[in-house]
Amino acid sequence: MSASQQTDEKVTKTDHVDEASKADIDETDEHDVVDPTNEEARDSPEEQSDNTDNTQPEDQIANETAAADDHDDADQYAVSWKDFPEDNPMEWPLGKKWRIIGTLSVLSLLTPLASSMMAPAVPEILEQFDVHNDQYGTFCVSVFVLGFAFGPLIIAPLSELYGRTIVYHVCNSLFVIFTIACALSKSIGMLVGFRFMAGFAGVAVITIGGGTIADMVPPEQRGKSMAAWSVGPLIGPVIGPVCAGFLVEAKGWRWVFWVIAIVAGFVTAISFIVFKETYAPVLLERKAAQRRKETGDPNYYSKLQTKGTRRQVLATSLLQPLRLLLTEPIVTCLCVYIAIIYGVLYILFTTFTFVFEENYGFSARGAGLSFIAGGVGNLLGLFFASTVSDRIVQRRKASGSPPVPEDRLSLVLTCPSALLLPVGLLIYGWTAEKHVHWIVPLLGTAIMGFGMMGIFMSVQIYLVDAFTRHAASATAANAVLRSILGAVLPLCGLNLYNKLGLGWGNTLLAGIELLMAPVPWILAIRGTQLRNWKGGDKNENMA
């Protein structure tokens, strides 16, 4: 039991604190978040009086009760949004919020675009560098996603410690630099290395974008905002090869990277103007520091301050994504499901060119166009998921019931989406193997794209709503596992199809996805109980 909980219990026993004071203490305890700037965390007055571990129990009760009696006086030093309501990101004008979300969405499109845009150029790259192993070509594509796996482990905790904006600016700038380095690569090793670093840095907008939206947008409006931001990571890998197919034939593979670097550099420059800090703990600590400077009184502190030295807080923050992934059953199950879907998606991305060139005689340009069908399915699934998700939450609020995160996993959303994934795979695999007209396998990829977007959107918004305080870390946990499988599974994609064929190979993948389909259904029904039992935001509603 924490010191604050002991205080509440002992104050109740001694009955020295009125009900209003106890409510204030509970409110303060619920909002302990990190102090990102002080070398040693500043203990608030009530925390200082809790430091009585060496006293006898009777003395400790007396000391903590006295601290509780003084709580009303101490609370005058707690800086909260009540003092600065106009600076609360939740209260910002709608236009300001959407400028940030819009810029974030464009950047979230560019980095995944870079992950697959070079796919049509793989044969030309292998020929230029005199490499005769097709595995190198596949790895050149998937190593970018491997960077997506490791980046969130550092980026998400730093954003919850130092704020979102500084992390965006540093990582986006590094993404541009490493993309230019890819264009200038002189060997396959250089290309692979710089691709990894570009993925590591570029994943920032995908890792903490959900946290930024949670900082600014209330739950009942979050669906459309999350949809705008989420479209990039799913549409980017689809339209990348379409654009690259024409570009590679016209200008060569290096221009794939030059185009990405030019556009990303331009949008990054805009972000330096548009992006504003949104993370409440960082903003309130700045306000508290300003109060301390103006008044000369060192007692002012952020109400969202967490105990511990900077080193302790940093260590805790860096472990947060892994802690969520490994110890929270909800996060673990959903991340495994999403990782499997993502891995299958990248198997398709890395084999589309081979399948449509060999089975249907497509050129590199035509093979790139084969990705469009999946993109159309993604857009339709995005519209379906974002619209229905917000309506479910709004109707629940209108009925007088508090919305809960599990509303995002409603069976109306997750049932059709989860079932369409294996159906689309089966249609694609068997019709491609039998050389049915090319429009039919593409229809299968469109159906899969619709289902994939429905699941991705539902899970993404659910993790943000269920773990709002650590939304960036929850999103990072999701990104880590899916990116690992997205990088590794494609390495066995061609071997899988060579041994089992397109039909049975995709049947195996569809069967795995079908086995995982009940995960969101179970959480839609039992998720609240699981969150209250282990992890998550213990409050059952999102209000």
Protein backbone atom coordinates (compact mmCIF):
# COMPACT_ATOMS: atom_id res chain seq x y z
CA MET A 1 0.00 0.00 0.00
CA SER A 2 1.40 3.44 -0.99
CA ALA A 3 2.01 6.23 1.50
CA SER A 4 -0.92 8.22 0.14
CA GLN A 5 -3.26 5.27 0.60
CA GLN A 6 -2.01 4.79 4.17
CA THR A 7 -2.71 8.46 4.80
CA ASP A 8 -6.29 8.16 3.62
CA GLU A 9 -6.88 5.06 5.79
CA LYS A 10 -5.33 6.52 8.91
CA VAL A 11 -7.05 9.85 8.50
CA THR A 12 -10.33 7.97 8.38
CA LYS A 13 -9.48 6.17 11.61
CA THR A 14 -8.61 9.34 13.51
CA ASP A 15 -11.44 11.37 11.98
CA HIS A 16 -9.36 14.55 12.04
CA VAL A 17 -10.07 15.54 8.45
CA ASP A 18 -13.39 16.64 7.01
CA GLU A 19 -14.84 14.97 3.92
CA ALA A 20 -13.84 17.82 1.60
CA SER A 21 -10.17 17.54 2.60
CA LYS A 22 -10.18 13.79 1.99
CA ALA A 23 -11.68 14.30 -1.46
CA ASP A 24 -8.91 16.78 -2.26
CA ILE A 25 -6.25 14.30 -1.15
CA ASP A 26 -7.72 11.59 -3.36
CA GLU A 27 -7.83 13.92 -6.31
CA THR A 28 -4.18 14.88 -5.85
CA ASP A 29 -3.10 11.24 -5.59
CA GLU A 30 -4.87 10.29 -8.79
CA HIS A 31 -2.87 12.80 -10.79
CA ASP A 32 0.71 12.03 -9.83
CA VAL A 33 2.66 12.37 -13.10
CA VAL A 34 6.28 13.00 -13.88
CA ASP A 35 8.22 16.18 -13.06
CA PRO A 36 10.20 16.41 -16.29
CA THR A 37 12.54 19.27 -15.42
CA ASN A 38 13.82 19.11 -11.83
CA GLU A 39 16.91 17.08 -11.04
CA GLU A 40 15.25 15.97 -7.81
CA ALA A 41 11.50 15.72 -7.81
CA ARG A 42 10.01 18.44 -5.62
CA ASP A 43 8.01 16.85 -2.83
CA SER A 44 4.75 18.56 -2.21
CA PRO A 45 4.06 19.43 1.44
CA GLU A 46 1.83 16.44 2.00
CA GLU A 47 4.49 14.13 0.47
CA GLN A 48 7.18 15.54 2.75
CA SER A 49 5.13 14.76 5.81
CA ASP A 50 4.69 11.17 4.58
CA ASN A 51 8.43 10.54 4.98
CA THR A 52 8.17 9.00 8.46
CA ASP A 53 9.24 5.41 7.90
CA ASN A 54 11.51 5.31 11.02
CA THR A 55 8.87 6.43 13.53
CA GLN A 56 6.61 4.22 15.62
CA PRO A 57 3.18 3.53 14.08
CA GLU A 58 1.44 5.83 16.58
CA ASP A 59 3.80 8.69 15.74
CA GLN A 60 3.37 8.07 12.04
CA ILE A 61 -0.42 8.26 12.35
CA ALA A 62 -0.12 11.54 14.24
CA ASN A 63 2.33 13.02 11.73
CA GLU A 64 0.32 12.03 8.68
CA THR A 65 -2.93 13.21 10.24
CA ALA A 66 -1.37 16.59 10.96
CA ALA A 67 -0.22 16.77 7.34
CA ALA A 68 -3.75 16.04 6.19
CA ASP A 69 -5.09 18.80 8.45
CA ASP A 70 -2.73 21.22 6.70
CA HIS A 71 -3.75 19.99 3.23
CA ASP A 72 -5.97 22.95 2.39
CA ASP A 73 -3.09 25.36 3.04
CA ALA A 74 -0.66 23.22 1.06
CA ASP A 75 -3.01 22.92 -1.89
CA GLN A 76 -2.61 26.62 -2.66
CA TYR A 77 0.83 25.74 -4.02
CA ALA A 78 -0.47 23.01 -6.38
CA VAL A 79 -0.58 24.37 -9.93
CA SER A 80 -3.44 22.90 -11.99
CA TRP A 81 -5.51 23.74 -15.06
CA LYS A 82 -7.97 25.59 -12.81
CA ASP A 83 -5.36 28.34 -12.69
CA PHE A 84 -4.76 28.40 -16.47
CA PRO A 85 -7.92 27.06 -18.18
CA GLU A 86 -7.19 28.85 -21.45
CA ASP A 87 -3.82 27.06 -21.77
CA ASN A 88 -5.29 23.58 -21.37
CA PRO A 89 -4.86 21.77 -24.74
CA MET A 90 -8.34 20.32 -24.29
CA GLU A 91 -9.69 23.90 -24.45
CA TRP A 92 -7.71 25.04 -27.47
CA PRO A 93 -9.66 26.30 -30.52
CA LEU A 94 -10.70 23.56 -32.93
CA GLY A 95 -8.67 25.13 -35.75
CA LYS A 96 -5.48 25.01 -33.72
CA LYS A 97 -6.04 21.36 -32.83
CA TRP A 98 -6.69 20.36 -36.43
CA ARG A 99 -3.63 22.20 -37.73
CA ILE A 100 -1.53 20.06 -35.42
CA ILE A 101 -3.44 16.87 -36.27
CA GLY A 102 -3.26 17.64 -40.00
CA THR A 103 0.49 18.20 -39.99
CA LEU A 104 0.96 15.12 -37.83
CA SER A 105 -1.15 13.07 -40.25
CA VAL A 106 0.95 14.10 -43.25
CA LEU A 107 4.15 13.12 -41.44
CA SER A 108 2.49 9.87 -40.37
CA LEU A 109 1.87 9.17 -44.05
CA LEU A 110 5.41 9.92 -45.21
CA THR A 111 7.33 7.61 -42.90
CA PRO A 112 5.30 4.44 -43.72
CA LEU A 113 5.37 5.54 -47.36
CA ALA A 114 9.15 5.23 -47.14
CA SER A 115 8.84 1.74 -45.68
CA SER A 116 7.44 0.19 -48.87
CA MET A 117 8.11 2.76 -51.60
CA MET A 118 11.35 1.08 -52.59
CA ALA A 119 9.69 -2.34 -53.11
CA PRO A 120 9.36 -2.00 -56.91
CA ALA A 121 13.00 -0.90 -57.07
CA VAL A 122 14.40 -4.02 -55.38
CA PRO A 123 15.41 -5.83 -58.61
CA GLU A 124 17.23 -2.73 -59.88
CA ILE A 125 19.00 -2.24 -56.51
CA LEU A 126 20.17 -5.86 -56.40
CA GLU A 127 21.45 -5.59 -59.97
CA GLN A 128 23.32 -2.33 -59.36
CA PHE A 129 25.04 -3.63 -56.22
CA ASP A 130 25.67 -7.05 -57.85
CA VAL A 131 23.72 -8.97 -55.19
CA HIS A 132 22.20 -12.30 -56.26
CA ASN A 133 20.35 -13.29 -53.07
CA ASP A 134 16.65 -12.32 -53.11
CA GLN A 135 16.64 -12.31 -49.30
CA TYR A 136 18.74 -9.14 -49.38
CA GLY A 137 16.09 -7.45 -51.46
CA THR A 138 13.36 -8.42 -49.03
CA PHE A 139 15.45 -7.31 -46.07
CA CYS A 140 16.11 -3.91 -47.66
CA VAL A 141 12.36 -3.33 -47.51
CA SER A 142 11.64 -4.85 -44.11
CA VAL A 143 14.67 -3.45 -42.21
CA PHE A 144 12.92 -0.07 -42.18
CA VAL A 145 10.10 -1.68 -40.19
CA LEU A 146 12.70 -3.20 -37.85
CA GLY A 147 13.66 0.38 -37.00
CA PHE A 148 9.96 0.93 -36.23
CA ALA A 149 10.28 -1.83 -33.63
CA PHE A 150 13.14 -0.36 -31.62
CA GLY A 151 12.45 3.35 -31.94
CA PRO A 152 9.29 3.38 -29.78
CA LEU A 153 11.15 1.90 -26.80
CA ILE A 154 13.12 5.15 -26.52
CA ILE A 155 10.87 7.70 -28.18
CA ALA A 156 7.63 7.11 -26.24
CA PRO A 157 9.17 7.34 -22.75
CA LEU A 158 11.13 10.46 -23.68
CA SER A 159 7.94 12.12 -24.92
CA GLU A 160 6.28 11.44 -21.55
CA LEU A 161 9.31 12.83 -19.75
CA TYR A 162 10.33 15.88 -21.79
CA GLY A 163 7.23 16.54 -23.88
CA ARG A 164 6.02 15.72 -27.36
CA THR A 165 7.29 18.67 -29.41
CA ILE A 166 11.04 18.35 -28.84
CA VAL A 167 10.88 14.64 -29.67
CA TYR A 168 8.98 15.34 -32.90
CA HIS A 169 11.44 17.97 -34.07
CA VAL A 170 14.59 15.93 -33.38
CA CYS A 171 13.26 12.67 -34.83
CA ASN A 172 11.67 14.21 -37.94
CA SER A 173 14.90 16.05 -38.74
CA LEU A 174 16.93 12.85 -38.34
CA PHE A 175 14.48 11.02 -40.60
CA VAL A 176 15.17 13.49 -43.39
CA ILE A 177 18.94 13.21 -42.90
CA PHE A 178 18.97 9.40 -42.95
CA THR A 179 16.68 9.31 -46.00
CA ILE A 180 19.17 11.51 -47.88
CA ALA A 181 21.90 9.09 -46.77
CA CYS A 182 19.91 6.23 -48.32
CA ALA A 183 19.83 8.08 -51.63
CA LEU A 184 23.62 8.47 -51.51
CA SER A 185 24.39 4.86 -50.47
CA LYS A 186 27.31 3.21 -52.26
CA SER A 187 26.68 -0.40 -51.16
CA ILE A 188 23.87 -2.67 -50.05
CA GLY A 189 25.25 -2.55 -46.49
CA MET A 190 25.07 1.24 -46.36
CA LEU A 191 21.53 1.17 -47.72
CA VAL A 192 20.38 -1.36 -45.14
CA GLY A 193 22.03 0.54 -42.28
CA PHE A 194 20.59 3.94 -43.20
CA ARG A 195 17.17 2.41 -43.87
CA PHE A 196 17.18 1.06 -40.32
CA MET A 197 18.13 4.44 -38.85
CA ALA A 198 15.50 6.23 -40.94
CA GLY A 199 12.85 3.85 -39.60
CA PHE A 200 14.13 4.28 -36.03
CA ALA A 201 13.81 8.08 -36.19
CA GLY A 202 10.77 8.29 -38.45
CA VAL A 203 8.58 6.21 -36.16
CA ALA A 204 8.17 9.15 -33.73
CA VAL A 205 5.01 10.48 -35.38
CA ILE A 206 3.49 6.99 -35.32
CA THR A 207 4.58 6.24 -31.76
CA ILE A 208 3.41 9.38 -29.96
CA GLY A 209 0.80 10.74 -32.36
CA GLY A 210 -1.94 8.93 -30.44
CA GLY A 211 -0.69 10.51 -27.23
CA THR A 212 -0.82 13.98 -28.78
CA ILE A 213 -4.42 13.42 -29.86
CA ALA A 214 -5.35 12.13 -26.40
CA ASP A 215 -3.80 15.31 -24.94
CA MET A 216 -6.10 17.56 -26.98
CA VAL A 217 -9.27 15.72 -28.00
CA PRO A 218 -12.04 14.44 -25.67
CA PRO A 219 -13.00 10.76 -26.05
CA GLU A 220 -16.33 11.31 -27.81
CA GLN A 221 -14.54 13.24 -30.62
CA ARG A 222 -11.42 11.11 -30.74
CA GLY A 223 -12.50 8.67 -33.46
CA LYS A 224 -12.22 11.08 -36.40
CA SER A 225 -8.95 12.53 -35.10
CA MET A 226 -7.45 9.08 -34.67
CA ALA A 227 -8.70 8.12 -38.13
CA ALA A 228 -6.93 11.08 -39.74
CA TRP A 229 -3.71 10.20 -37.94
CA SER A 230 -4.02 6.41 -38.42
CA VAL A 231 -4.61 6.53 -42.15
CA GLY A 232 -0.93 7.24 -42.84
CA PRO A 233 0.59 4.07 -41.34
CA LEU A 234 -1.89 1.94 -43.30
CA ILE A 235 -2.31 3.84 -46.57
CA GLY A 236 1.36 4.85 -46.82
CA PRO A 237 2.72 1.33 -47.40
CA VAL A 238 0.00 0.80 -50.03
CA ILE A 239 0.43 3.92 -52.16
CA GLY A 240 4.23 3.93 -51.82
CA PRO A 241 4.83 1.17 -54.38
CA VAL A 242 2.22 2.70 -56.72
CA CYS A 243 4.15 5.97 -56.90
CA ALA A 244 7.52 4.22 -56.95
CA GLY A 245 6.60 1.99 -59.88
CA PHE A 246 6.47 5.02 -62.19
CA LEU A 247 9.35 6.84 -60.52
CA VAL A 248 11.77 3.92 -60.70
CA GLU A 249 11.15 3.39 -64.42
CA ALA A 250 11.54 7.09 -65.15
CA LYS A 251 14.36 8.22 -62.84
CA GLY A 252 15.88 5.21 -61.10
CA TRP A 253 15.72 3.92 -57.52
CA ARG A 254 17.69 6.74 -55.87
CA TRP A 255 14.96 9.23 -56.71
CA VAL A 256 12.58 7.27 -54.50
CA PHE A 257 14.58 8.51 -51.52
CA TRP A 258 15.15 12.00 -52.89
CA VAL A 259 11.41 12.56 -53.31
CA ILE A 260 10.69 11.34 -49.77
CA ALA A 261 13.46 13.53 -48.33
CA ILE A 262 12.26 16.65 -50.16
CA VAL A 263 8.62 16.27 -49.12
CA ALA A 264 9.46 15.22 -45.55
CA GLY A 265 11.88 18.13 -45.19
CA PHE A 266 9.22 20.60 -46.31
CA VAL A 267 6.57 19.24 -43.92
CA THR A 268 9.08 19.05 -41.06
CA ALA A 269 9.86 22.73 -41.56
CA ILE A 270 6.13 23.50 -41.33
CA SER A 271 5.86 21.42 -38.14
CA PHE A 272 8.37 23.72 -36.41
CA ILE A 273 5.76 26.45 -36.78
CA VAL A 274 2.55 24.46 -36.24
CA PHE A 275 3.42 22.04 -33.44
CA LYS A 276 2.81 23.20 -29.87
CA GLU A 277 3.46 21.28 -26.68
CA THR A 278 0.35 19.31 -25.64
CA TYR A 279 1.52 17.04 -22.79
CA ALA A 280 -0.18 18.30 -19.63
CA PRO A 281 2.50 17.29 -17.06
CA VAL A 282 5.18 19.19 -18.99
CA LEU A 283 2.96 22.24 -19.48
CA LEU A 284 1.94 22.40 -15.81
CA GLU A 285 5.53 22.00 -14.65
CA ARG A 286 6.44 24.99 -16.82
CA LYS A 287 3.62 26.97 -15.18
CA ALA A 288 4.82 25.93 -11.72
CA ALA A 289 8.39 26.96 -12.59
CA GLN A 290 7.06 30.31 -13.79
CA ARG A 291 5.18 30.79 -10.50
CA ARG A 292 8.31 29.94 -8.50
CA LYS A 293 10.33 32.46 -10.49
CA GLU A 294 7.73 35.24 -10.27
CA THR A 295 7.02 34.84 -6.55
CA GLY A 296 10.39 33.64 -5.30
CA ASP A 297 8.48 30.92 -3.43
CA PRO A 298 9.96 27.44 -4.07
CA ASN A 299 6.85 25.64 -2.77
CA TYR A 300 4.86 25.85 -5.99
CA TYR A 301 4.64 22.49 -7.77
CA SER A 302 2.69 20.87 -10.59
CA LYS A 303 -0.36 18.92 -9.52
CA LEU A 304 0.65 16.29 -12.09
CA GLN A 305 4.03 15.71 -10.46
CA THR A 306 5.47 12.28 -9.76
CA LYS A 307 7.77 11.32 -6.90
CA GLY A 308 11.38 10.31 -7.48
CA THR A 309 14.60 11.70 -8.83
CA ARG A 310 15.02 12.33 -12.53
CA ARG A 311 17.08 9.15 -12.84
CA GLN A 312 14.35 7.08 -11.18
CA VAL A 313 11.63 8.62 -13.30
CA LEU A 314 13.66 8.16 -16.50
CA ALA A 315 14.29 4.49 -15.71
CA THR A 316 10.59 3.95 -15.02
CA SER A 317 9.58 5.76 -18.19
CA LEU A 318 11.99 3.83 -20.40
CA LEU A 319 10.60 0.54 -19.13
CA GLN A 320 6.96 1.59 -19.45
CA PRO A 321 6.26 0.29 -23.00
CA LEU A 322 7.84 -3.09 -22.19
CA ARG A 323 6.02 -3.22 -18.86
CA LEU A 324 2.69 -2.68 -20.58
CA LEU A 325 3.53 -5.24 -23.26
CA LEU A 326 4.73 -7.94 -20.89
CA THR A 327 2.57 -7.50 -17.78
CA GLU A 328 -0.77 -6.17 -19.01
CA PRO A 329 -2.82 -9.05 -20.49
CA ILE A 330 -5.03 -6.68 -22.48
CA VAL A 331 -2.07 -4.98 -24.16
CA THR A 332 -0.28 -8.29 -24.73
CA CYS A 333 -3.21 -10.00 -26.44
CA LEU A 334 -4.12 -7.06 -28.65
CA CYS A 335 -0.50 -6.40 -29.62
CA VAL A 336 0.05 -10.03 -30.61
CA TYR A 337 -3.10 -9.94 -32.77
CA ILE A 338 -2.11 -6.68 -34.46
CA ALA A 339 1.46 -7.94 -34.96
CA ILE A 340 0.22 -11.04 -36.78
CA ILE A 341 -1.98 -8.93 -39.08
CA TYR A 342 0.87 -6.52 -39.73
CA GLY A 343 3.30 -9.35 -40.45
CA VAL A 344 0.90 -10.88 -42.97
CA LEU A 345 0.42 -7.45 -44.55
CA TYR A 346 4.17 -7.08 -45.13
CA ILE A 347 4.40 -10.60 -46.52
CA LEU A 348 1.95 -9.43 -49.17
CA PHE A 349 3.82 -6.15 -49.72
CA THR A 350 7.14 -7.89 -50.30
CA THR A 351 5.69 -10.57 -52.62
CA PHE A 352 3.12 -8.61 -54.68
CA THR A 353 5.76 -7.61 -57.23
CA PHE A 354 6.90 -11.21 -57.74
CA VAL A 355 3.36 -12.62 -57.82
CA PHE A 356 1.92 -10.18 -60.35
CA GLU A 357 5.00 -10.08 -62.56
CA GLU A 358 5.36 -13.86 -62.73
CA ASN A 359 1.69 -14.94 -62.69
CA TYR A 360 0.16 -12.09 -64.69
CA GLY A 361 3.09 -10.64 -66.63
CA PHE A 362 2.83 -7.18 -65.04
CA SER A 363 5.64 -4.67 -65.53
CA ALA A 364 7.22 -2.93 -62.53
CA ARG A 365 4.77 -0.09 -63.08
CA GLY A 366 1.80 -2.46 -63.26
CA ALA A 367 2.97 -4.37 -60.17
CA GLY A 368 3.03 -1.07 -58.30
CA LEU A 369 -0.57 -0.38 -59.34
CA SER A 370 -1.62 -3.71 -57.81
CA PHE A 371 -1.31 -2.09 -54.37
CA ILE A 372 -4.19 0.31 -55.11
CA ALA A 373 -6.92 -2.24 -54.37
CA GLY A 374 -5.74 -2.70 -50.80
CA GLY A 375 -5.59 1.07 -50.39
CA VAL A 376 -9.21 1.44 -51.49
CA GLY A 377 -10.22 -1.22 -48.96
CA ASN A 378 -8.27 0.63 -46.28
CA LEU A 379 -10.05 3.91 -47.00
CA LEU A 380 -13.49 2.28 -46.86
CA GLY A 381 -12.57 0.50 -43.62
CA LEU A 382 -11.26 3.75 -42.18
CA PHE A 383 -14.51 5.57 -42.92
CA PHE A 384 -16.54 2.70 -41.45
CA ALA A 385 -14.48 2.35 -38.25
CA SER A 386 -14.09 6.05 -37.42
CA THR A 387 -17.75 6.90 -38.04
CA VAL A 388 -19.24 3.96 -36.17
CA SER A 389 -16.78 4.22 -33.27
CA ASP A 390 -17.65 7.83 -32.41
CA ARG A 391 -21.37 7.21 -32.87
CA ILE A 392 -21.29 4.37 -30.37
CA VAL A 393 -19.63 6.58 -27.75
CA GLN A 394 -21.93 9.54 -28.45
CA ARG A 395 -25.08 7.40 -28.19
CA ARG A 396 -23.89 5.94 -24.92
CA LYS A 397 -23.35 9.42 -23.49
CA ALA A 398 -26.73 10.59 -24.79
CA SER A 399 -28.41 7.69 -23.00
CA GLY A 400 -26.92 8.86 -19.70
CA SER A 401 -24.42 6.00 -19.39
CA PRO A 402 -20.72 6.86 -19.13
CA PRO A 403 -18.76 5.59 -22.15
CA VAL A 404 -16.06 3.01 -21.49
CA PRO A 405 -12.98 2.14 -23.59
CA GLU A 406 -14.55 -1.20 -24.51
CA ASP A 407 -17.06 0.70 -26.65
CA ARG A 408 -14.21 1.01 -29.16
CA LEU A 409 -14.16 -2.78 -29.52
CA SER A 410 -17.90 -3.07 -30.08
CA LEU A 411 -18.88 -6.28 -31.88
CA VAL A 412 -20.51 -4.09 -34.54
CA LEU A 413 -16.98 -3.01 -35.47
CA THR A 414 -14.75 -5.95 -34.68
CA CYS A 415 -16.91 -8.89 -35.79
CA PRO A 416 -17.12 -8.06 -39.52
CA SER A 417 -13.58 -6.66 -39.58
CA ALA A 418 -11.96 -9.71 -38.00
CA LEU A 419 -13.83 -12.13 -40.28
CA LEU A 420 -13.11 -10.22 -43.49
CA LEU A 421 -9.35 -10.51 -42.93
CA PRO A 422 -9.09 -14.29 -43.53
CA VAL A 423 -11.81 -14.17 -46.21
CA GLY A 424 -9.79 -11.63 -48.21
CA LEU A 425 -6.61 -13.68 -47.84
CA LEU A 426 -8.31 -16.85 -49.10
CA ILE A 427 -9.74 -15.07 -52.14
CA TYR A 428 -6.36 -13.54 -52.98
CA GLY A 429 -4.35 -16.73 -52.50
CA TRP A 430 -6.47 -19.25 -54.36
CA THR A 431 -7.45 -17.02 -57.29
CA ALA A 432 -3.84 -15.92 -57.83
CA GLU A 433 -2.65 -19.54 -57.77
CA LYS A 434 -5.29 -20.58 -60.32
CA HIS A 435 -4.49 -17.54 -62.50
CA VAL A 436 -8.03 -16.24 -62.31
CA HIS A 437 -8.38 -12.77 -63.87
CA TRP A 438 -6.16 -10.32 -61.95
CA ILE A 439 -9.13 -8.25 -60.77
CA VAL A 440 -10.28 -11.11 -58.47
CA PRO A 441 -7.11 -11.43 -56.33
CA LEU A 442 -7.05 -7.64 -56.13
CA LEU A 443 -10.63 -7.75 -54.85
CA GLY A 444 -9.39 -10.13 -52.16
CA THR A 445 -6.72 -7.64 -51.08
CA ALA A 446 -9.38 -4.89 -50.94
CA ILE A 447 -11.56 -7.02 -48.64
CA MET A 448 -8.55 -7.74 -46.45
CA GLY A 449 -7.70 -4.01 -46.38
CA PHE A 450 -11.21 -3.16 -45.17
CA GLY A 451 -11.04 -5.67 -42.33
CA MET A 452 -7.50 -4.71 -41.39
CA MET A 453 -8.37 -1.03 -41.03
CA GLY A 454 -11.41 -1.86 -38.89
CA ILE A 455 -9.29 -3.87 -36.46
CA PHE A 456 -6.34 -1.45 -36.43
CA MET A 457 -8.54 1.57 -35.75
CA SER A 458 -10.56 -0.14 -33.03
CA VAL A 459 -7.49 -1.41 -31.19
CA GLN A 460 -5.55 1.85 -31.56
CA ILE A 461 -8.32 4.01 -30.12
CA TYR A 462 -9.03 1.43 -27.40
CA LEU A 463 -5.44 1.46 -26.17
CA VAL A 464 -5.45 5.28 -26.05
CA ASP A 465 -8.76 5.38 -24.15
CA ALA A 466 -7.90 2.53 -21.77
CA PHE A 467 -4.38 3.78 -20.96
CA THR A 468 -4.83 7.53 -21.46
CA ARG A 469 -2.20 8.58 -18.93
CA HIS A 470 0.40 6.49 -20.76
CA ALA A 471 -1.15 6.64 -24.23
CA ALA A 472 2.24 7.07 -25.95
CA SER A 473 3.71 4.06 -24.15
CA ALA A 474 0.66 1.91 -24.95
CA THR A 475 0.91 2.91 -28.60
CA ALA A 476 4.65 2.18 -28.49
CA ALA A 477 4.04 -1.30 -27.07
CA ASN A 478 1.72 -1.93 -30.00
CA ALA A 479 4.27 -0.59 -32.50
CA VAL A 480 7.17 -2.65 -31.12
CA LEU A 481 5.68 -6.10 -31.57
CA ARG A 482 3.92 -5.41 -34.87
CA SER A 483 7.09 -3.91 -36.33
CA ILE A 484 9.19 -6.90 -35.32
CA LEU A 485 6.84 -9.29 -37.09
CA GLY A 486 6.47 -6.84 -39.97
CA ALA A 487 10.24 -7.01 -40.44
CA VAL A 488 10.80 -10.73 -39.81
CA LEU A 489 7.82 -12.51 -41.36
CA PRO A 490 8.42 -11.21 -44.91
CA LEU A 491 11.80 -12.97 -44.89
CA CYS A 492 9.96 -16.28 -45.04
CA GLY A 493 7.14 -15.12 -47.33
CA LEU A 494 8.66 -16.29 -50.63
CA ASN A 495 9.78 -19.60 -49.09
CA LEU A 496 6.28 -20.14 -47.72
CA TYR A 497 4.71 -19.63 -51.15
CA ASN A 498 7.37 -21.72 -52.90
CA LYS A 499 6.71 -24.69 -50.61
CA LEU A 500 2.94 -24.47 -50.13
CA GLY A 501 1.86 -22.40 -53.09
CA LEU A 502 -0.17 -19.21 -53.00
CA GLY A 503 -3.38 -21.09 -52.19
CA TRP A 504 -2.31 -23.19 -49.21
CA GLY A 505 0.24 -20.63 -48.06
CA ASN A 506 -2.43 -17.95 -47.68
CA THR A 507 -4.83 -20.51 -46.21
CA LEU A 508 -2.30 -21.09 -43.42
CA LEU A 509 -2.04 -17.34 -42.79
CA ALA A 510 -5.83 -16.96 -42.88
CA GLY A 511 -6.21 -19.76 -40.34
CA ILE A 512 -3.84 -18.02 -37.92
CA GLU A 513 -5.79 -14.76 -38.24
CA LEU A 514 -9.07 -16.60 -37.68
CA LEU A 515 -7.73 -18.19 -34.49
CA MET A 516 -6.86 -14.72 -33.15
CA ALA A 517 -10.16 -13.11 -34.18
CA PRO A 518 -11.96 -13.71 -30.82
CA VAL A 519 -9.42 -11.54 -28.93
CA PRO A 520 -11.21 -8.18 -29.48
CA TRP A 521 -14.61 -9.87 -29.09
CA ILE A 522 -13.70 -11.17 -25.64
CA LEU A 523 -12.29 -7.81 -24.57
CA ALA A 524 -15.41 -6.03 -25.82
CA ILE A 525 -17.41 -8.11 -23.32
CA ARG A 526 -14.94 -8.63 -20.46
CA GLY A 527 -12.42 -5.85 -20.95
CA THR A 528 -13.70 -3.65 -18.13
CA GLN A 529 -13.32 -6.45 -15.58
CA LEU A 530 -9.82 -7.20 -16.85
CA ARG A 531 -8.76 -3.56 -16.60
CA ASN A 532 -10.06 -3.29 -13.07
CA TRP A 533 -8.29 -6.52 -12.14
CA LYS A 534 -4.96 -5.77 -13.76
CA GLY A 535 -3.64 -2.56 -15.23
CA GLY A 536 -5.28 0.03 -17.45
CA ASP A 537 -6.92 3.16 -16.17
CA LYS A 538 -8.91 1.85 -13.26
CA ASN A 539 -11.80 4.20 -13.89
CA GLU A 540 -14.35 2.37 -15.95
CA ASN A 541 -15.59 5.42 -17.83
CA MET A 542 -13.80 7.78 -20.18
CA ALA A 543 -15.42 10.96 -18.98
